[in-house]
């Protein structure tokens, strides 16, 4: 279809859904694989750093004489202590790396899905709004291009509804999709409306190019912060708890000094 005022071509409202469904499905799938990649990299880095840390802690404790009790009671076990510490810290490092990777993956995934919904909604709303000033120079005409806040909200609502349908269902697929899509579905419209209420101008509540750029950046930043807060409990469970457990097992062999 062609806009009678601007001469721009755009798809009718009934034509964009199939393309958008395919695009958002690909974005969500890629975001889920990105979580797996982050977790794998975190686990590899965690086990390597953990083993190095364990070897170093063992050497320090041995230099301080904290293994005197083991040396007096069972000196043959001293040669196995470095491997014990490497095992303890390696396992802890894997769990910590998985937790950190999960956190970064979820945050990046929510930002990617937010961008995949918001940016096409802005572009689609602009295509359906007569915004060019034909008599103005090219640069000025582009700067004067505007979209009404109501038009943007309606276009955004339609795309959020598509994402809602995509993540609905049962089983593991729904659970995993919600990792990267639930926050945009729940909050994207609300945050966008708040941003447009502050940025829009005039009785028609128009949003110009600079407003849309600021809106996009502000919404993406807010979504990242919200995803970070949402993963706070899982980060504590997968990061803080293994660190506490590892620190306790650090000092278990060193307590043998009291038996010396």
Protein backbone atom coordinates (compact mmCIF):
# COMPACT_ATOMS: atom_id res chain seq x y z
CA UNK A 1 0.00 0.00 0.00
CA UNK A 2 1.09 3.61 -0.59
CA UNK A 3 0.52 6.60 1.68
CA UNK A 4 -1.41 9.23 -0.34
CA UNK A 5 0.43 12.13 1.31
CA UNK A 6 4.02 10.99 1.67
CA UNK A 7 4.08 8.48 -1.19
CA UNK A 8 5.63 5.86 1.08
CA UNK A 9 4.85 2.20 0.64
CA UNK A 10 3.86 0.06 3.61
CA UNK A 11 2.12 -3.20 4.34
CA UNK A 12 -1.51 -3.22 5.31
CA UNK A 13 -2.34 -4.02 8.92
CA UNK A 14 -3.28 -7.58 8.05
CA UNK A 15 0.00 -8.22 6.24
CA UNK A 16 2.63 -7.49 8.86
CA UNK A 17 1.71 -10.20 11.38
CA UNK A 18 3.16 -13.23 9.59
CA UNK A 19 6.50 -11.49 9.07
CA UNK A 20 6.57 -10.18 12.62
CA UNK A 21 5.66 -13.59 14.06
CA UNK A 22 8.54 -15.17 12.20
CA UNK A 23 10.90 -12.39 13.28
CA UNK A 24 9.95 -12.47 16.96
CA UNK A 25 10.15 -16.27 17.01
CA UNK A 26 13.69 -16.03 15.67
CA UNK A 27 14.64 -13.33 18.19
CA UNK A 28 13.30 -15.33 21.14
CA UNK A 29 14.99 -18.49 19.89
CA UNK A 30 18.30 -16.69 19.45
CA UNK A 31 17.97 -15.12 22.90
CA UNK A 32 17.44 -18.55 24.48
CA UNK A 33 20.51 -19.93 22.72
CA UNK A 34 22.42 -16.87 23.90
CA UNK A 35 21.52 -17.77 27.49
CA UNK A 36 22.94 -21.26 26.91
CA UNK A 37 26.10 -19.75 25.43
CA UNK A 38 26.55 -17.33 28.35
CA UNK A 39 26.07 -20.15 30.83
CA UNK A 40 28.54 -22.39 29.00
CA UNK A 41 31.18 -19.66 28.88
CA UNK A 42 30.53 -18.85 32.54
CA UNK A 43 30.93 -22.50 33.53
CA UNK A 44 34.20 -22.87 31.61
CA UNK A 45 35.62 -19.65 33.05
CA UNK A 46 34.36 -20.58 36.52
CA UNK A 47 35.99 -24.00 36.61
CA UNK A 48 39.34 -22.69 35.33
CA UNK A 49 39.47 -19.74 37.72
CA UNK A 50 38.14 -21.91 40.55
CA UNK A 51 40.86 -24.53 40.12
CA UNK A 52 43.55 -21.87 40.05
CA UNK A 53 42.11 -20.28 43.16
CA UNK A 54 41.93 -23.62 44.96
CA UNK A 55 45.57 -24.41 44.19
CA UNK A 56 46.62 -21.00 45.42
CA UNK A 57 44.58 -21.22 48.65
CA UNK A 58 46.02 -24.64 49.38
CA UNK A 59 49.58 -23.34 48.96
CA UNK A 60 48.89 -20.36 51.23
CA UNK A 61 47.31 -22.51 53.96
CA UNK A 62 50.17 -24.96 53.79
CA UNK A 63 52.72 -22.14 54.07
CA UNK A 64 50.88 -20.84 57.14
CA UNK A 65 51.09 -24.26 58.76
CA UNK A 66 47.35 -24.79 58.94
CA UNK A 67 47.71 -28.42 57.89
CA UNK A 68 49.91 -29.34 60.85
CA UNK A 69 47.27 -31.65 62.29
CA UNK A 70 46.95 -33.60 59.04
CA UNK A 71 50.75 -33.78 58.75
CA UNK A 72 51.03 -35.32 62.21
CA UNK A 73 48.08 -37.71 61.92
CA UNK A 74 48.06 -38.73 58.23
CA UNK A 75 50.90 -37.12 56.28
CA UNK A 76 50.12 -39.25 53.22
CA UNK A 77 47.00 -37.15 52.65
CA UNK A 78 48.97 -33.93 52.21
CA UNK A 79 49.72 -34.66 48.56
CA UNK A 80 45.99 -34.93 47.86
CA UNK A 81 45.03 -31.62 49.47
CA UNK A 82 45.73 -29.49 46.34
CA UNK A 83 43.35 -31.69 44.35
CA UNK A 84 40.75 -31.43 47.09
CA UNK A 85 40.86 -27.64 46.97
CA UNK A 86 40.86 -27.62 43.17
CA UNK A 87 37.80 -29.88 43.17
CA UNK A 88 35.91 -27.78 45.72
CA UNK A 89 36.61 -24.45 44.06
CA UNK A 90 36.15 -25.92 40.58
CA UNK A 91 32.64 -27.14 41.38
CA UNK A 92 31.84 -23.84 43.07
CA UNK A 93 33.21 -21.96 40.08
CA UNK A 94 31.02 -23.92 37.68
CA UNK A 95 27.87 -23.11 39.65
CA UNK A 96 28.85 -19.46 40.04
CA UNK A 97 29.66 -19.20 36.33
CA UNK A 98 26.31 -20.72 35.42
CA UNK A 99 24.51 -18.20 37.64
CA UNK A 100 26.38 -15.21 36.23
CA UNK A 101 25.88 -16.47 32.67
CA UNK A 102 22.16 -16.97 33.26
CA UNK A 103 21.81 -13.44 34.61
CA UNK A 104 23.60 -11.82 31.67
CA UNK A 105 21.74 -13.98 29.17
CA UNK A 106 18.32 -13.14 30.59
CA UNK A 107 19.09 -9.41 30.64
CA UNK A 108 20.42 -9.44 27.07
CA UNK A 109 17.46 -11.55 25.91
CA UNK A 110 14.86 -9.23 27.39
CA UNK A 111 16.60 -6.24 25.81
CA UNK A 112 16.65 -7.99 22.42
CA UNK A 113 12.94 -8.85 22.57
CA UNK A 114 12.09 -5.32 23.70
CA UNK A 115 14.02 -3.88 20.77
CA UNK A 116 12.37 -6.34 18.37
CA UNK A 117 8.91 -5.16 19.48
CA UNK A 118 9.47 -1.44 20.01
CA UNK A 119 11.55 -0.48 16.97
CA UNK A 120 9.20 -2.04 14.35
CA UNK A 121 6.23 -0.48 16.18
CA UNK A 122 7.82 2.97 15.88
CA UNK A 123 8.67 2.45 12.22
CA UNK A 124 5.20 1.11 11.41
CA UNK A 125 3.49 4.01 13.16
CA UNK A 126 5.63 6.47 11.22
CA UNK A 127 4.72 4.83 7.92
CA UNK A 128 1.03 5.24 8.66
CA UNK A 129 1.37 8.88 9.70
CA UNK A 130 1.64 11.76 7.26
CA UNK A 131 4.84 13.31 8.52
CA UNK A 132 6.81 14.70 5.62
CA UNK A 133 6.61 18.40 4.80
CA UNK A 134 6.81 18.38 1.01
CA UNK A 135 7.93 21.96 0.66
CA UNK A 136 10.72 21.68 3.23
CA UNK A 137 14.32 20.69 2.47
CA UNK A 138 15.13 17.01 2.81
CA UNK A 139 16.88 17.30 6.17
CA UNK A 140 14.19 19.52 7.65
CA UNK A 141 11.42 17.28 6.31
CA UNK A 142 12.96 14.28 8.05
CA UNK A 143 13.29 16.23 11.30
CA UNK A 144 9.65 17.29 11.13
CA UNK A 145 8.43 13.75 10.62
CA UNK A 146 6.22 12.88 13.58
CA UNK A 147 3.90 10.21 14.90
CA UNK A 148 1.08 10.62 17.37
CA UNK A 149 1.43 8.92 20.74
CA UNK A 150 -1.95 7.22 20.31
CA UNK A 151 -0.88 5.75 16.98
CA UNK A 152 2.31 4.41 18.52
CA UNK A 153 0.42 2.90 21.46
CA UNK A 154 -2.06 1.14 19.16
CA UNK A 155 0.69 -0.25 16.95
CA UNK A 156 2.69 -1.38 19.98
CA UNK A 157 -0.34 -3.07 21.54
CA UNK A 158 -0.88 -5.11 18.37
CA UNK A 159 2.71 -6.35 18.41
CA UNK A 160 2.72 -7.13 22.11
CA UNK A 161 -0.44 -9.20 21.54
CA UNK A 162 1.43 -11.27 18.94
CA UNK A 163 4.25 -11.91 21.42
CA UNK A 164 1.72 -12.85 24.10
CA UNK A 165 0.25 -15.47 21.79
CA UNK A 166 3.72 -16.76 20.96
CA UNK A 167 4.79 -17.38 24.55
CA UNK A 168 1.48 -18.86 25.69
CA UNK A 169 1.04 -22.59 26.00
CA UNK A 170 2.23 -25.35 28.27
CA UNK A 171 5.40 -27.21 29.11
CA UNK A 172 9.04 -26.30 28.86
CA UNK A 173 8.71 -24.18 25.71
CA UNK A 174 6.45 -21.69 27.49
CA UNK A 175 8.75 -21.60 30.53
CA UNK A 176 11.87 -20.90 28.51
CA UNK A 177 10.22 -18.32 26.28
CA UNK A 178 9.05 -16.38 29.31
CA UNK A 179 12.65 -16.00 30.45
CA UNK A 180 13.22 -13.45 27.70
CA UNK A 181 9.69 -12.29 26.80
CA UNK A 182 7.60 -12.04 29.98
CA UNK A 183 9.04 -8.69 31.13
CA UNK A 184 8.51 -6.93 27.75
CA UNK A 185 4.97 -8.32 27.54
CA UNK A 186 4.14 -7.20 31.09
CA UNK A 187 5.79 -3.78 31.15
CA UNK A 188 6.60 -2.52 27.64
CA UNK A 189 3.29 -0.78 27.00
CA UNK A 190 3.19 0.78 30.46
CA UNK A 191 6.73 2.14 30.27
CA UNK A 192 6.24 3.40 26.70
CA UNK A 193 3.05 5.24 27.67
CA UNK A 194 4.86 6.89 30.55
CA UNK A 195 7.66 7.96 28.22
CA UNK A 196 5.33 9.33 25.54
CA UNK A 197 3.38 11.31 28.14
CA UNK A 198 6.59 13.14 29.05
CA UNK A 199 8.00 13.58 25.53
CA UNK A 200 4.96 14.24 23.31
CA UNK A 201 4.19 17.79 22.22
CA UNK A 202 0.99 19.69 21.48
CA UNK A 203 -2.66 18.78 21.63
CA UNK A 204 -2.10 15.97 19.11
CA UNK A 205 0.63 14.50 21.37
CA UNK A 206 3.17 14.30 18.56
CA UNK A 207 6.50 12.50 18.86
CA UNK A 208 9.34 13.67 16.61
CA UNK A 209 12.49 11.83 15.61
CA UNK A 210 14.56 12.97 18.60
CA UNK A 211 11.71 12.01 20.92
CA UNK A 212 11.52 8.51 19.45
CA UNK A 213 15.28 8.01 19.86
CA UNK A 214 15.12 9.10 23.49
CA UNK A 215 12.06 6.91 24.05
CA UNK A 216 13.76 3.86 22.56
CA UNK A 217 16.92 4.30 24.65
CA UNK A 218 15.01 4.99 27.87
CA UNK A 219 12.71 1.97 27.47
CA UNK A 220 15.62 -0.36 26.69
CA UNK A 221 17.55 0.89 29.73
CA UNK A 222 14.50 0.42 31.96
CA UNK A 223 13.94 -3.11 30.67
CA UNK A 224 17.56 -4.02 31.40
CA UNK A 225 17.24 -2.75 34.97
CA UNK A 226 13.93 -4.58 35.45
CA UNK A 227 15.41 -7.84 34.14
CA UNK A 228 18.42 -7.40 36.44
CA UNK A 229 16.11 -6.98 39.44
CA UNK A 230 14.01 -9.96 38.37
CA UNK A 231 17.09 -12.22 38.30
CA UNK A 232 18.35 -11.01 41.67
CA UNK A 233 17.03 -13.98 43.64
CA UNK A 234 18.34 -16.55 41.18
CA UNK A 235 21.72 -14.80 41.19
CA UNK A 236 21.86 -15.02 44.97
CA UNK A 237 20.89 -18.68 44.90
CA UNK A 238 23.32 -19.65 42.14
CA UNK A 239 26.20 -17.36 43.13
CA UNK A 240 26.13 -16.42 46.81
CA UNK A 241 25.15 -19.83 48.18
CA UNK A 242 27.96 -21.74 46.36
CA UNK A 243 30.43 -19.10 47.53
CA UNK A 244 29.31 -19.63 51.14
CA UNK A 245 29.53 -23.40 50.79
CA UNK A 246 32.94 -23.22 49.12
CA UNK A 247 34.31 -20.92 51.83
CA UNK A 248 33.18 -23.38 54.53
CA UNK A 249 34.86 -26.30 52.78
CA UNK A 250 37.99 -24.16 52.39
CA UNK A 251 38.57 -24.12 56.11
CA UNK A 252 37.57 -27.72 56.88
CA UNK A 253 41.07 -29.23 56.37
CA UNK A 254 42.65 -26.19 58.01
CA UNK A 255 40.74 -26.91 61.23
CA UNK A 256 43.09 -29.86 61.74
CA UNK A 257 45.56 -27.38 63.22
CA UNK A 258 43.67 -27.73 66.48
CA UNK A 259 44.57 -31.44 66.50
CA UNK A 260 48.26 -30.77 66.18
